[in-house]
Amino acid sequence: MPMIRIEMFPGRNADQKQRFAKSITDAFVETCGGTAASVHVVFADIAKEDWAVAGELCSNRAAAATPAEK
């Protein structure tokens, strides 16, 4: 089961999140195949003070750095 984690600032209501999840799910199914029922979308609200930390939790910046950045 594919799982898509979306980190965003708080403030979206349930209807907005539901529409966004449908858009993301439809795009995933169109691109990767499978069924919408197999895709699981999880939302995580991240405080604006912590926005930089949230991205770092899911990526390894050192591995993604270009030679010019190292």
PDB file of N, CA and C in Angstrom:
ATOM      1  N   MET A   1       0.847  -1.177   0.000  1.00  0.00           N
ATOM      2  CA  MET A   1       0.000   0.000   0.000  1.00  0.00           C
ATOM      3  C   MET A   1       0.889   1.236   0.000  1.00  0.00           C
ATOM      4  N   PRO A   2       0.815   2.060  -1.034  1.00  0.00           N
ATOM      5  CA  PRO A   2       1.574   3.304  -1.037  1.00  0.00           C
ATOM      6  C   PRO A   2       1.056   4.268   0.032  1.00  0.00           C
ATOM      7  N   MET A   3       1.976   4.905   0.725  1.00  0.00           N
ATOM      8  CA  MET A   3       1.601   5.905   1.723  1.00  0.00           C
ATOM      9  C   MET A   3       2.267   7.220   1.335  1.00  0.00           C
ATOM     10  N   ILE A   4       1.465   8.276   1.299  1.00  0.00           N
ATOM     11  CA  ILE A   4       1.963   9.606   0.964  1.00  0.00           C
ATOM     12  C   ILE A   4       1.789  10.481   2.192  1.00  0.00           C
ATOM     13  N   ARG A   5       2.892  11.017   2.699  1.00  0.00           N
ATOM     14  CA  ARG A   5       2.848  11.905   3.869  1.00  0.00           C
ATOM     15  C   ARG A   5       2.964  13.337   3.374  1.00  0.00           C
ATOM     16  N   ILE A   6       2.012  14.168   3.786  1.00  0.00           N
ATOM     17  CA  ILE A   6       1.994  15.571   3.386  1.00  0.00           C
ATOM     18  C   ILE A   6       2.151  16.425   4.640  1.00  0.00           C
ATOM     19  N   GLU A   7       3.215  17.209   4.674  1.00  0.00           N
ATOM     20  CA  GLU A   7       3.447  18.125   5.789  1.00  0.00           C
ATOM     21  C   GLU A   7       3.070  19.522   5.329  1.00  0.00           C
ATOM     22  N   MET A   8       2.241  20.188   6.117  1.00  0.00           N
ATOM     23  CA  MET A   8       1.800  21.536   5.761  1.00  0.00           C
ATOM     24  C   MET A   8       1.550  22.342   7.022  1.00  0.00           C
ATOM     25  N   PHE A   9       1.477  23.648   6.834  1.00  0.00           N
ATOM     26  CA  PHE A   9       1.133  24.514   7.955  1.00  0.00           C
ATOM     27  C   PHE A   9      -0.303  24.250   8.374  1.00  0.00           C
ATOM     28  N   PRO A  10      -0.610  24.364   9.661  1.00  0.00           N
ATOM     29  CA  PRO A  10      -1.980  24.166  10.122  1.00  0.00           C
ATOM     30  C   PRO A  10      -2.917  25.210   9.516  1.00  0.00           C
ATOM     31  N   GLY A  11      -4.192  24.902   9.516  1.00  0.00           N
ATOM     32  CA  GLY A  11      -5.180  25.868   9.065  1.00  0.00           C
ATOM     33  C   GLY A  11      -6.127  25.329   8.012  1.00  0.00           C
ATOM     34  N   ARG A  12      -5.806  24.218   7.399  1.00  0.00           N
ATOM     35  CA  ARG A  12      -6.721  23.643   6.409  1.00  0.00           C
ATOM     36  C   ARG A  12      -7.820  22.891   7.136  1.00  0.00           C
ATOM     37  N   ASN A  13      -9.044  23.015   6.633  1.00  0.00           N
ATOM     38  CA  ASN A  13     -10.138  22.260   7.247  1.00  0.00           C
ATOM     39  C   ASN A  13     -10.215  20.867   6.615  1.00  0.00           C
ATOM     40  N   ALA A  14     -11.075  20.032   7.157  1.00  0.00           N
ATOM     41  CA  ALA A  14     -11.173  18.641   6.701  1.00  0.00           C
ATOM     42  C   ALA A  14     -11.558  18.553   5.229  1.00  0.00           C
ATOM     43  N   ASP A  15     -12.442  19.427   4.770  1.00  0.00           N
ATOM     44  CA  ASP A  15     -12.865  19.400   3.373  1.00  0.00           C
ATOM     45  C   ASP A  15     -11.697  19.737   2.444  1.00  0.00           C
ATOM     46  N   GLN A  16     -10.898  20.727   2.805  1.00  0.00           N
ATOM     47  CA  GLN A  16      -9.738  21.092   1.995  1.00  0.00           C
ATOM     48  C   GLN A  16      -8.740  19.940   1.938  1.00  0.00           C
ATOM     49  N   LYS A  17      -8.501  19.305   3.068  1.00  0.00           N
ATOM     50  CA  LYS A  17      -7.571  18.174   3.098  1.00  0.00           C
ATOM     51  C   LYS A  17      -8.106  17.006   2.273  1.00  0.00           C
ATOM     52  N   GLN A  18      -9.406  16.774   2.328  1.00  0.00           N
ATOM     53  CA  GLN A  18     -10.008  15.678   1.572  1.00  0.00           C
ATOM     54  C   GLN A  18      -9.858  15.919   0.062  1.00  0.00           C
ATOM     55  N   ARG A  19     -10.103  17.149  -0.375  1.00  0.00           N
ATOM     56  CA  ARG A  19      -9.955  17.471  -1.803  1.00  0.00           C
ATOM     57  C   ARG A  19      -8.494  17.349  -2.237  1.00  0.00           C
ATOM     58  N   PHE A  20      -7.586  17.811  -1.385  1.00  0.00           N
ATOM     59  CA  PHE A  20      -6.163  17.719  -1.690  1.00  0.00           C
ATOM     60  C   PHE A  20      -5.732  16.258  -1.769  1.00  0.00           C
ATOM     61  N   ALA A  21      -6.188  15.445  -0.813  1.00  0.00           N
ATOM     62  CA  ALA A  21      -5.850  14.023  -0.809  1.00  0.00           C
ATOM     63  C   ALA A  21      -6.357  13.342  -2.077  1.00  0.00           C
ATOM     64  N   LYS A  22      -7.546  13.707  -2.537  1.00  0.00           N
ATOM     65  CA  LYS A  22      -8.086  13.126  -3.772  1.00  0.00           C
ATOM     66  C   LYS A  22      -7.218  13.515  -4.971  1.00  0.00           C
ATOM     67  N   SER A  23      -6.807  14.776  -5.034  1.00  0.00           N
ATOM     68  CA  SER A  23      -5.950  15.223  -6.138  1.00  0.00           C
ATOM     69  C   SER A  23      -4.619  14.477  -6.145  1.00  0.00           C
ATOM     70  N   ILE A  24      -4.029  14.334  -4.974  1.00  0.00           N
ATOM     71  CA  ILE A  24      -2.748  13.633  -4.856  1.00  0.00           C
ATOM     72  C   ILE A  24      -2.917  12.166  -5.224  1.00  0.00           C
ATOM     73  N   THR A  25      -3.976  11.554  -4.734  1.00  0.00           N
ATOM     74  CA  THR A  25      -4.250  10.144  -5.024  1.00  0.00           C
ATOM     75  C   THR A  25      -4.470   9.930  -6.517  1.00  0.00           C
ATOM     76  N   ASP A  26      -5.279  10.777  -7.140  1.00  0.00           N
ATOM     77  CA  ASP A  26      -5.538  10.658  -8.576  1.00  0.00           C
ATOM     78  C   ASP A  26      -4.246  10.789  -9.378  1.00  0.00           C
ATOM     79  N   ALA A  27      -3.397  11.743  -9.000  1.00  0.00           N
ATOM     80  CA  ALA A  27      -2.127  11.939  -9.700  1.00  0.00           C
ATOM     81  C   ALA A  27      -1.213  10.730  -9.526  1.00  0.00           C
ATOM     82  N   PHE A  28      -1.185  10.174  -8.324  1.00  0.00           N
ATOM     83  CA  PHE A  28      -0.353   8.998  -8.064  1.00  0.00           C
ATOM     84  C   PHE A  28      -0.818   7.822  -8.907  1.00  0.00           C
ATOM     85  N   VAL A  29      -2.117   7.560  -8.911  1.00  0.00           N
ATOM     86  CA  VAL A  29      -2.663   6.429  -9.664  1.00  0.00           C
ATOM     87  C   VAL A  29      -2.429   6.609 -11.159  1.00  0.00           C
ATOM     88  N   GLU A  30      -2.593   7.835 -11.652  1.00  0.00           N
ATOM     89  CA  GLU A  30      -2.372   8.101 -13.072  1.00  0.00           C
ATOM     90  C   GLU A  30      -0.908   7.883 -13.455  1.00  0.00           C
ATOM     91  N   THR A  31      -0.004   8.265 -12.567  1.00  0.00           N
ATOM     92  CA  THR A  31       1.427   8.166 -12.856  1.00  0.00           C
ATOM     93  C   THR A  31       1.983   6.769 -12.598  1.00  0.00           C
ATOM     94  N   CYS A  32       1.591   6.181 -11.465  1.00  0.00           N
ATOM     95  CA  CYS A  32       2.215   4.928 -11.034  1.00  0.00           C
ATOM     96  C   CYS A  32       1.340   3.691 -11.224  1.00  0.00           C
ATOM     97  N   GLY A  33       0.051   3.903 -11.466  1.00  0.00           N
ATOM     98  CA  GLY A  33      -0.855   2.770 -11.595  1.00  0.00           C
ATOM     99  C   GLY A  33      -1.447   2.392 -10.253  1.00  0.00           C
ATOM    100  N   GLY A  34      -2.146   1.295 -10.236  1.00  0.00           N
ATOM    101  CA  GLY A  34      -2.800   0.841  -9.022  1.00  0.00           C
ATOM    102  C   GLY A  34      -4.213   1.393  -8.930  1.00  0.00           C
ATOM    103  N   THR A  35      -4.750   1.365  -7.731  1.00  0.00           N
ATOM    104  CA  THR A  35      -6.104   1.861  -7.508  1.00  0.00           C
ATOM    105  C   THR A  35      -6.088   2.929  -6.428  1.00  0.00           C
ATOM    106  N   ALA A  36      -7.076   3.801  -6.476  1.00  0.00           N
ATOM    107  CA  ALA A  36      -7.178   4.861  -5.467  1.00  0.00           C
ATOM    108  C   ALA A  36      -7.353   4.269  -4.071  1.00  0.00           C
ATOM    109  N   ALA A  37      -8.042   3.150  -3.976  1.00  0.00           N
ATOM    110  CA  ALA A  37      -8.274   2.522  -2.665  1.00  0.00           C
ATOM    111  C   ALA A  37      -6.981   2.022  -2.024  1.00  0.00           C
ATOM    112  N   SER A  38      -5.943   1.803  -2.840  1.00  0.00           N
ATOM    113  CA  SER A  38      -4.687   1.292  -2.284  1.00  0.00           C
ATOM    114  C   SER A  38      -3.763   2.394  -1.771  1.00  0.00           C
ATOM    115  N   VAL A  39      -4.083   3.650  -2.073  1.00  0.00           N
ATOM    116  CA  VAL A  39      -3.226   4.770  -1.681  1.00  0.00           C
ATOM    117  C   VAL A  39      -3.707   5.341  -0.346  1.00  0.00           C
ATOM    118  N   HIS A  40      -2.771   5.554   0.558  1.00  0.00           N
ATOM    119  CA  HIS A  40      -3.096   6.105   1.875  1.00  0.00           C
ATOM    120  C   HIS A  40      -2.380   7.449   2.022  1.00  0.00           C
ATOM    121  N   VAL A  41      -3.155   8.526   2.226  1.00  0.00           N
ATOM    122  CA  VAL A  41      -2.592   9.868   2.380  1.00  0.00           C
ATOM    123  C   VAL A  41      -2.680  10.267   3.848  1.00  0.00           C
ATOM    124  N   VAL A  42      -1.551  10.713   4.409  1.00  0.00           N
ATOM    125  CA  VAL A  42      -1.477  11.125   5.809  1.00  0.00           C
ATOM    126  C   VAL A  42      -1.057  12.587   5.854  1.00  0.00           C
ATOM    127  N   PHE A  43      -1.777  13.383   6.605  1.00  0.00           N
ATOM    128  CA  PHE A  43      -1.438  14.793   6.774  1.00  0.00           C
ATOM    129  C   PHE A  43      -0.776  15.006   8.122  1.00  0.00           C
ATOM    130  N   ALA A  44       0.248  15.844   8.134  1.00  0.00           N
ATOM    131  CA  ALA A  44       0.908  16.233   9.384  1.00  0.00           C
ATOM    132  C   ALA A  44       0.993  17.755   9.386  1.00  0.00           C
ATOM    133  N   ASP A  45       0.370  18.367  10.373  1.00  0.00           N
ATOM    134  CA  ASP A  45       0.455  19.823  10.506  1.00  0.00           C
ATOM    135  C   ASP A  45       1.773  20.175  11.189  1.00  0.00           C
ATOM    136  N   ILE A  46       2.510  21.075  10.576  1.00  0.00           N
ATOM    137  CA  ILE A  46       3.820  21.503  11.081  1.00  0.00           C
ATOM    138  C   ILE A  46       3.730  22.984  11.431  1.00  0.00           C
ATOM    139  N   ALA A  47       4.110  23.318  12.649  1.00  0.00           N
ATOM    140  CA  ALA A  47       4.102  24.722  13.067  1.00  0.00           C
ATOM    141  C   ALA A  47       5.072  25.520  12.199  1.00  0.00           C
ATOM    142  N   LYS A  48       4.724  26.771  11.909  1.00  0.00           N
ATOM    143  CA  LYS A  48       5.574  27.584  11.037  1.00  0.00           C
ATOM    144  C   LYS A  48       6.986  27.729  11.593  1.00  0.00           C
ATOM    145  N   GLU A  49       7.125  27.722  12.911  1.00  0.00           N
ATOM    146  CA  GLU A  49       8.467  27.838  13.506  1.00  0.00           C
ATOM    147  C   GLU A  49       9.321  26.620  13.178  1.00  0.00           C
ATOM    148  N   ASP A  50       8.671  25.487  12.889  1.00  0.00           N
ATOM    149  CA  ASP A  50       9.386  24.231  12.670  1.00  0.00           C
ATOM    150  C   ASP A  50       9.448  23.823  11.198  1.00  0.00           C
ATOM    151  N   TRP A  51       9.096  24.708  10.271  1.00  0.00           N
ATOM    152  CA  TRP A  51       8.996  24.300   8.875  1.00  0.00           C
ATOM    153  C   TRP A  51      10.309  23.753   8.328  1.00  0.00           C
ATOM    154  N   ALA A  52      11.432  24.321   8.705  1.00  0.00           N
ATOM    155  CA  ALA A  52      12.710  23.838   8.189  1.00  0.00           C
ATOM    156  C   ALA A  52      13.031  22.459   8.740  1.00  0.00           C
ATOM    157  N   VAL A  53      12.681  22.208   9.983  1.00  0.00           N
ATOM    158  CA  VAL A  53      12.944  20.916  10.609  1.00  0.00           C
ATOM    159  C   VAL A  53      12.112  19.832   9.935  1.00  0.00           C
ATOM    160  N   ALA A  54      10.869  20.134   9.581  1.00  0.00           N
ATOM    161  CA  ALA A  54       9.980  19.133   8.989  1.00  0.00           C
ATOM    162  C   ALA A  54      10.575  18.544   7.719  1.00  0.00           C
ATOM    163  N   GLY A  55      11.101  19.374   6.847  1.00  0.00           N
ATOM    164  CA  GLY A  55      11.705  18.878   5.616  1.00  0.00           C
ATOM    165  C   GLY A  55      12.948  18.044   5.865  1.00  0.00           C
ATOM    166  N   GLU A  56      13.714  18.404   6.852  1.00  0.00           N
ATOM    167  CA  GLU A  56      14.932  17.674   7.166  1.00  0.00           C
ATOM    168  C   GLU A  56      14.638  16.276   7.688  1.00  0.00           C
ATOM    169  N   LEU A  57      13.483  16.081   8.318  1.00  0.00           N
ATOM    170  CA  LEU A  57      13.157  14.775   8.868  1.00  0.00           C
ATOM    171  C   LEU A  57      13.005  13.720   7.780  1.00  0.00           C
ATOM    172  N   CYS A  58      12.616  14.141   6.587  1.00  0.00           N
ATOM    173  CA  CYS A  58      12.316  13.198   5.518  1.00  0.00           C
ATOM    174  C   CYS A  58      13.386  13.139   4.442  1.00  0.00           C
ATOM    175  N   SER A  59      14.473  13.872   4.612  1.00  0.00           N
ATOM    176  CA  SER A  59      15.477  13.872   3.562  1.00  0.00           C
ATOM    177  C   SER A  59      16.874  13.909   4.159  1.00  0.00           C
ATOM    178  N   ASN A  60      17.808  13.505   3.349  1.00  0.00           N
ATOM    179  CA  ASN A  60      19.204  13.568   3.736  1.00  0.00           C
ATOM    180  C   ASN A  60      19.852  14.612   2.843  1.00  0.00           C
ATOM    181  N   ARG A  61      19.960  15.817   3.336  1.00  0.00           N
ATOM    182  CA  ARG A  61      20.473  16.925   2.522  1.00  0.00           C
ATOM    183  C   ARG A  61      21.888  16.653   2.023  1.00  0.00           C
ATOM    184  N   ALA A  62      22.716  16.022   2.820  1.00  0.00           N
ATOM    185  CA  ALA A  62      24.097  15.765   2.403  1.00  0.00           C
ATOM    186  C   ALA A  62      24.120  14.873   1.165  1.00  0.00           C
ATOM    187  N   ALA A  63      23.255  13.888   1.111  1.00  0.00           N
ATOM    188  CA  ALA A  63      23.214  12.977  -0.043  1.00  0.00           C
ATOM    189  C   ALA A  63      22.673  13.686  -1.285  1.00  0.00           C
ATOM    190  N   ALA A  64      21.815  14.689  -1.081  1.00  0.00           N
ATOM    191  CA  ALA A  64      21.198  15.375  -2.208  1.00  0.00           C
ATOM    192  C   ALA A  64      22.022  16.574  -2.692  1.00  0.00           C
ATOM    193  N   ALA A  65      23.059  16.953  -1.951  1.00  0.00           N
ATOM    194  CA  ALA A  65      23.842  18.136  -2.304  1.00  0.00           C
ATOM    195  C   ALA A  65      24.616  17.905  -3.603  1.00  0.00           C
ATOM    196  N   THR A  66      24.687  18.944  -4.399  1.00  0.00           N
ATOM    197  CA  THR A  66      25.483  18.864  -5.632  1.00  0.00           C
ATOM    198  C   THR A  66      26.946  19.077  -5.255  1.00  0.00           C
ATOM    199  N   PRO A  67      27.882  18.712  -6.130  1.00  0.00           N
ATOM    200  CA  PRO A  67      29.302  18.924  -5.813  1.00  0.00           C
ATOM    201  C   PRO A  67      29.627  20.377  -5.456  1.00  0.00           C
ATOM    202  N   ALA A  68      28.935  21.338  -6.067  1.00  0.00           N
ATOM    203  CA  ALA A  68      29.186  22.752  -5.777  1.00  0.00           C
ATOM    204  C   ALA A  68      28.763  23.113  -4.357  1.00  0.00           C
ATOM    205  N   GLU A  69      27.786  22.399  -3.803  1.00  0.00           N
ATOM    206  CA  GLU A  69      27.292  22.696  -2.463  1.00  0.00           C
ATOM    207  C   GLU A  69      28.145  22.047  -1.380  1.00  0.00           C
ATOM    208  N   LYS A  70      28.918  21.045  -1.731  1.00  0.00           N
ATOM    209  CA  LYS A  70      29.699  20.307  -0.712  1.00  0.00           C
ATOM    210  C   LYS A  70      30.929  21.038  -0.312  1.00  0.00           C
TER     211      LYS A  70
END
